[in-house]
C-alpha cells in the first residue's frame, strides 16, 4: 500500500490509505470539501436559472415588440 505524507502544523504524518480513511481529521476535511462543493453547485444552479429566465424574458419582450411592428412583424 502507498504511504501518504500529511503535513499538519509543521509535523509530517505518514499514513496509508486505510489510516487516512479512518482518521477523524481527514473525515472532517472531506466533509468540509463536500459541503463547499454542494454550496458551489447550488449557487451555480441558481445563477444559471436566473440568467435563463432573464434572457427568455428579454427575448420574449423583444419578439412581441417586433411582431406588433408593421415593418418587422410583416
N, C-alpha and C. Protein backbone atom coordinates (compact mmCIF):
# COMPACT_ATOMS: atom_id res chain seq x y z
N UNK A 1 0.83 -1.19 0.00
CA UNK A 1 0.00 0.00 0.00
C UNK A 1 0.87 1.25 0.00
N UNK A 2 0.44 2.27 -0.74
CA UNK A 2 1.22 3.51 -0.73
C UNK A 2 1.08 4.23 0.62
N UNK A 3 2.12 4.93 0.97
CA UNK A 3 2.13 5.70 2.21
C UNK A 3 2.10 7.18 1.84
N UNK A 4 1.16 7.91 2.45
CA UNK A 4 0.99 9.33 2.17
C UNK A 4 1.61 10.15 3.29
N UNK A 5 2.27 11.23 2.92
CA UNK A 5 2.83 12.14 3.91
C UNK A 5 1.90 13.33 4.04
N UNK A 6 1.36 13.51 5.24
CA UNK A 6 0.41 14.58 5.50
C UNK A 6 1.06 15.57 6.46
N UNK A 7 1.15 16.81 6.04
CA UNK A 7 1.77 17.83 6.88
C UNK A 7 0.67 18.58 7.63
N UNK A 8 0.85 18.66 8.94
CA UNK A 8 -0.15 19.28 9.81
C UNK A 8 0.58 20.08 10.87
N UNK A 9 0.46 21.41 10.78
CA UNK A 9 1.12 22.32 11.72
C UNK A 9 2.62 22.02 11.89
N UNK A 10 3.30 21.86 10.78
CA UNK A 10 4.74 21.66 10.82
C UNK A 10 5.19 20.23 11.08
N UNK A 11 4.27 19.35 11.40
CA UNK A 11 4.62 17.94 11.61
C UNK A 11 4.22 17.15 10.38
N UNK A 12 4.95 16.09 10.12
CA UNK A 12 4.65 15.22 8.98
C UNK A 12 4.20 13.87 9.50
N UNK A 13 3.01 13.48 9.09
CA UNK A 13 2.46 12.18 9.46
C UNK A 13 2.49 11.27 8.25
N UNK A 14 2.89 10.06 8.45
CA UNK A 14 2.92 9.07 7.38
C UNK A 14 1.78 8.09 7.63
N UNK A 15 0.85 8.03 6.66
CA UNK A 15 -0.33 7.19 6.81
C UNK A 15 -0.59 6.42 5.52
N UNK A 16 -1.11 5.23 5.67
CA UNK A 16 -1.54 4.51 4.47
C UNK A 16 -3.01 4.86 4.21
N UNK A 17 -3.58 4.32 3.14
CA UNK A 17 -4.93 4.69 2.73
C UNK A 17 -5.97 4.35 3.79
N UNK A 18 -5.85 3.21 4.43
CA UNK A 18 -6.82 2.82 5.46
C UNK A 18 -6.78 3.77 6.64
N UNK A 19 -5.59 4.20 7.03
CA UNK A 19 -5.48 5.14 8.14
C UNK A 19 -6.06 6.51 7.78
N UNK A 20 -5.84 6.93 6.54
CA UNK A 20 -6.38 8.21 6.10
C UNK A 20 -7.90 8.18 6.13
N UNK A 21 -8.48 7.08 5.66
CA UNK A 21 -9.94 6.98 5.60
C UNK A 21 -10.59 6.87 6.97
N UNK A 22 -9.86 6.49 7.98
CA UNK A 22 -10.43 6.34 9.32
C UNK A 22 -10.01 7.45 10.28
N UNK A 23 -9.19 8.38 9.82
CA UNK A 23 -8.74 9.47 10.66
C UNK A 23 -9.85 10.52 10.77
N UNK A 24 -10.16 10.96 12.00
CA UNK A 24 -11.27 11.89 12.21
C UNK A 24 -11.02 13.24 11.54
N UNK A 25 -9.79 13.72 11.57
CA UNK A 25 -9.50 15.00 10.93
C UNK A 25 -9.66 14.90 9.41
N UNK A 26 -9.21 13.81 8.83
CA UNK A 26 -9.34 13.64 7.38
C UNK A 26 -10.82 13.51 6.99
N UNK A 27 -11.60 12.84 7.81
CA UNK A 27 -13.04 12.73 7.55
C UNK A 27 -13.67 14.12 7.60
N UNK A 28 -13.28 14.92 8.60
CA UNK A 28 -13.81 16.27 8.72
C UNK A 28 -13.44 17.12 7.50
N UNK A 29 -12.19 16.99 7.04
CA UNK A 29 -11.75 17.73 5.85
C UNK A 29 -12.57 17.32 4.62
N UNK A 30 -12.83 16.03 4.48
CA UNK A 30 -13.65 15.55 3.37
C UNK A 30 -15.06 16.09 3.43
N UNK A 31 -15.63 16.15 4.63
CA UNK A 31 -16.98 16.69 4.79
C UNK A 31 -17.02 18.17 4.44
N UNK A 32 -15.99 18.91 4.84
CA UNK A 32 -15.92 20.34 4.51
C UNK A 32 -15.80 20.53 3.00
N UNK A 33 -15.00 19.71 2.36
CA UNK A 33 -14.84 19.78 0.91
C UNK A 33 -16.15 19.48 0.21
N UNK A 34 -16.86 18.46 0.67
CA UNK A 34 -18.14 18.09 0.07
C UNK A 34 -19.16 19.21 0.27
N UNK A 35 -19.20 19.81 1.46
CA UNK A 35 -20.13 20.91 1.72
C UNK A 35 -19.85 22.10 0.80
N UNK A 36 -18.59 22.42 0.60
CA UNK A 36 -18.23 23.52 -0.29
C UNK A 36 -18.63 23.20 -1.73
N UNK A 37 -18.46 21.96 -2.14
CA UNK A 37 -18.85 21.55 -3.49
C UNK A 37 -20.36 21.67 -3.68
N UNK A 38 -21.13 21.22 -2.70
CA UNK A 38 -22.60 21.30 -2.80
C UNK A 38 -23.04 22.76 -2.84
N UNK A 39 -22.46 23.60 -1.99
CA UNK A 39 -22.81 25.01 -1.98
C UNK A 39 -22.49 25.67 -3.32
N UNK A 40 -21.32 25.38 -3.88
CA UNK A 40 -20.94 25.94 -5.18
C UNK A 40 -21.89 25.47 -6.27
N UNK A 41 -22.32 24.22 -6.20
CA UNK A 41 -23.25 23.69 -7.19
C UNK A 41 -24.60 24.39 -7.11
N UNK A 42 -25.09 24.60 -5.90
CA UNK A 42 -26.38 25.28 -5.72
C UNK A 42 -26.30 26.72 -6.21
N UNK A 43 -25.23 27.42 -5.87
CA UNK A 43 -25.07 28.80 -6.32
C UNK A 43 -25.01 28.87 -7.84
N UNK A 44 -24.26 27.97 -8.46
CA UNK A 44 -24.15 27.95 -9.92
C UNK A 44 -25.50 27.65 -10.56
N UNK A 45 -26.26 26.74 -9.97
CA UNK A 45 -27.59 26.41 -10.50
C UNK A 45 -28.52 27.60 -10.42
N UNK A 46 -28.51 28.30 -9.30
CA UNK A 46 -29.36 29.49 -9.15
C UNK A 46 -28.98 30.56 -10.16
N UNK A 47 -27.69 30.79 -10.34
CA UNK A 47 -27.23 31.79 -11.31
C UNK A 47 -27.66 31.41 -12.72
N UNK A 48 -27.54 30.13 -13.07
CA UNK A 48 -27.95 29.68 -14.41
C UNK A 48 -29.45 29.84 -14.62
N UNK A 49 -30.24 29.50 -13.61
CA UNK A 49 -31.69 29.64 -13.74
C UNK A 49 -32.10 31.10 -13.87
N UNK A 50 -31.51 31.96 -13.06
CA UNK A 50 -31.83 33.39 -13.16
C UNK A 50 -31.45 33.93 -14.53
N UNK A 51 -30.28 33.56 -15.01
CA UNK A 51 -29.83 34.01 -16.34
C UNK A 51 -30.78 33.51 -17.42
N UNK A 52 -31.20 32.25 -17.34
CA UNK A 52 -32.12 31.69 -18.33
C UNK A 52 -33.43 32.46 -18.36
N UNK A 53 -34.01 32.74 -17.19
CA UNK A 53 -35.30 33.43 -17.16
C UNK A 53 -35.17 34.89 -17.60
N UNK A 54 -34.08 35.55 -17.26
CA UNK A 54 -33.88 36.93 -17.71
C UNK A 54 -33.73 36.99 -19.22
N UNK A 55 -32.92 36.11 -19.78
CA UNK A 55 -32.73 36.08 -21.24
C UNK A 55 -34.04 35.72 -21.94
N UNK A 56 -34.78 34.76 -21.41
CA UNK A 56 -36.07 34.39 -22.01
C UNK A 56 -37.04 35.55 -21.99
N UNK A 57 -37.07 36.28 -20.88
CA UNK A 57 -37.97 37.43 -20.77
C UNK A 57 -37.58 38.52 -21.76
N UNK A 58 -36.27 38.80 -21.86
CA UNK A 58 -35.80 39.84 -22.79
C UNK A 58 -36.12 39.46 -24.23
N UNK A 59 -35.83 38.22 -24.61
CA UNK A 59 -36.10 37.80 -25.99
C UNK A 59 -37.60 37.74 -26.28
N UNK A 60 -38.39 37.32 -25.30
CA UNK A 60 -39.85 37.29 -25.49
C UNK A 60 -40.42 38.68 -25.66
N UNK A 61 -39.95 39.62 -24.86
CA UNK A 61 -40.42 41.00 -24.96
C UNK A 61 -40.02 41.61 -26.30
N UNK A 62 -38.78 41.33 -26.71
CA UNK A 62 -38.31 41.85 -27.99
C UNK A 62 -39.11 41.24 -29.14
N UNK A 63 -39.39 39.95 -29.07
CA UNK A 63 -40.18 39.29 -30.11
C UNK A 63 -41.59 39.83 -30.17
N UNK A 64 -42.19 40.12 -29.02
CA UNK A 64 -43.54 40.67 -29.00
C UNK A 64 -43.55 42.06 -29.63
N UNK A 65 -42.55 42.88 -29.31
CA UNK A 65 -42.47 44.21 -29.90
C UNK A 65 -42.28 44.14 -31.41
N UNK A 66 -41.47 43.20 -31.86
CA UNK A 66 -41.23 43.06 -33.30
C UNK A 66 -42.47 42.55 -34.01
N UNK A 67 -43.24 41.68 -33.36
CA UNK A 67 -44.43 41.15 -34.02
C UNK A 67 -45.52 42.21 -34.13
N UNK A 68 -45.51 43.20 -33.26
CA UNK A 68 -46.50 44.27 -33.32
C UNK A 68 -46.08 45.38 -34.28
N UNK A 69 -44.83 45.39 -34.69
CA UNK A 69 -44.31 46.41 -35.60
C UNK A 69 -44.70 46.03 -37.03
N UNK A 70 -45.15 47.01 -37.80
CA UNK A 70 -45.58 46.75 -39.19
C UNK A 70 -44.42 46.33 -40.09
N UNK A 71 -43.24 46.89 -39.85
CA UNK A 71 -42.11 46.62 -40.73
C UNK A 71 -41.49 45.26 -40.40
N UNK A 72 -41.21 45.02 -39.12
CA UNK A 72 -40.53 43.77 -38.76
C UNK A 72 -41.49 42.62 -38.56
N UNK A 73 -42.75 42.92 -38.26
CA UNK A 73 -43.72 41.86 -37.98
C UNK A 73 -44.40 41.32 -39.21
N UNK A 74 -44.33 42.02 -40.28
CA UNK A 74 -44.91 41.53 -41.52
C UNK A 74 -46.28 41.98 -41.71
